[in-house]
């Protein structure tokens, strides 16, 4: 593989990363928000259980 072929392949790889990065970041953001909501709900549920007992 010569240097021009390597540059072309690298360029294509970088283009794919640029396309996929926002999708991955969005998925990670959704997962983080979902996790925070789940943790808050469990904490609120635990506090409610403590008051009932």
Protein backbone atom coordinates (compact mmCIF):
# COMPACT_ATOMS: atom_id res chain seq x y z
CA UNK A 1 0.00 0.00 0.00
CA UNK A 2 1.52 3.30 -1.00
CA UNK A 3 1.18 6.59 0.86
CA UNK A 4 -1.60 7.94 -1.38
CA UNK A 5 -3.71 4.84 -0.74
CA UNK A 6 -3.07 5.16 2.99
CA UNK A 7 -4.13 8.83 2.94
CA UNK A 8 -7.29 7.96 1.02
CA UNK A 9 -8.18 5.16 3.44
CA UNK A 10 -7.49 7.38 6.45
CA UNK A 11 -9.60 10.15 4.97
CA UNK A 12 -12.50 7.73 4.53
CA UNK A 13 -12.11 6.46 8.08
CA UNK A 14 -12.10 9.99 9.49
CA UNK A 15 -15.21 10.84 7.48
CA UNK A 16 -16.99 7.82 8.96
CA UNK A 17 -15.96 8.84 12.48
CA UNK A 18 -17.29 12.36 11.91
CA UNK A 19 -20.63 10.91 10.80
CA UNK A 20 -20.92 8.43 13.67
CA UNK A 21 -19.61 10.63 16.52
CA UNK A 22 -22.79 12.73 16.98
CA UNK A 23 -24.92 9.58 17.01
CA UNK A 24 -22.71 7.96 19.63
CA UNK A 25 -22.64 11.11 21.75
CA UNK A 26 -26.43 11.39 21.56
CA UNK A 27 -26.81 7.76 22.65
CA UNK A 28 -24.42 8.29 25.55
CA UNK A 29 -26.31 11.41 26.60
CA UNK A 30 -29.63 9.56 26.54
CA UNK A 31 -28.10 6.73 28.59
CA UNK A 32 -26.71 9.19 31.14
CA UNK A 33 -30.05 11.00 31.53
CA UNK A 34 -31.89 7.68 31.82
CA UNK A 35 -29.46 6.52 34.49
CA UNK A 36 -29.87 9.74 36.45
CA UNK A 37 -33.67 9.47 36.32
CA UNK A 38 -33.50 5.83 37.44
CA UNK A 39 -31.17 6.68 40.34
CA UNK A 40 -33.39 9.58 41.44
CA UNK A 41 -36.51 7.40 41.27
CA UNK A 42 -34.87 4.69 43.39
CA UNK A 43 -33.73 7.25 45.94
CA UNK A 44 -37.20 8.80 46.15
CA UNK A 45 -38.75 5.33 46.47
CA UNK A 46 -36.33 4.41 49.26
CA UNK A 47 -37.10 7.64 51.13
CA UNK A 48 -40.82 6.97 50.81
CA UNK A 49 -40.38 3.42 52.11
CA UNK A 50 -38.41 4.73 55.10
CA UNK A 51 -41.24 7.15 55.98
CA UNK A 52 -43.88 4.42 55.71
CA UNK A 53 -42.04 2.04 58.06
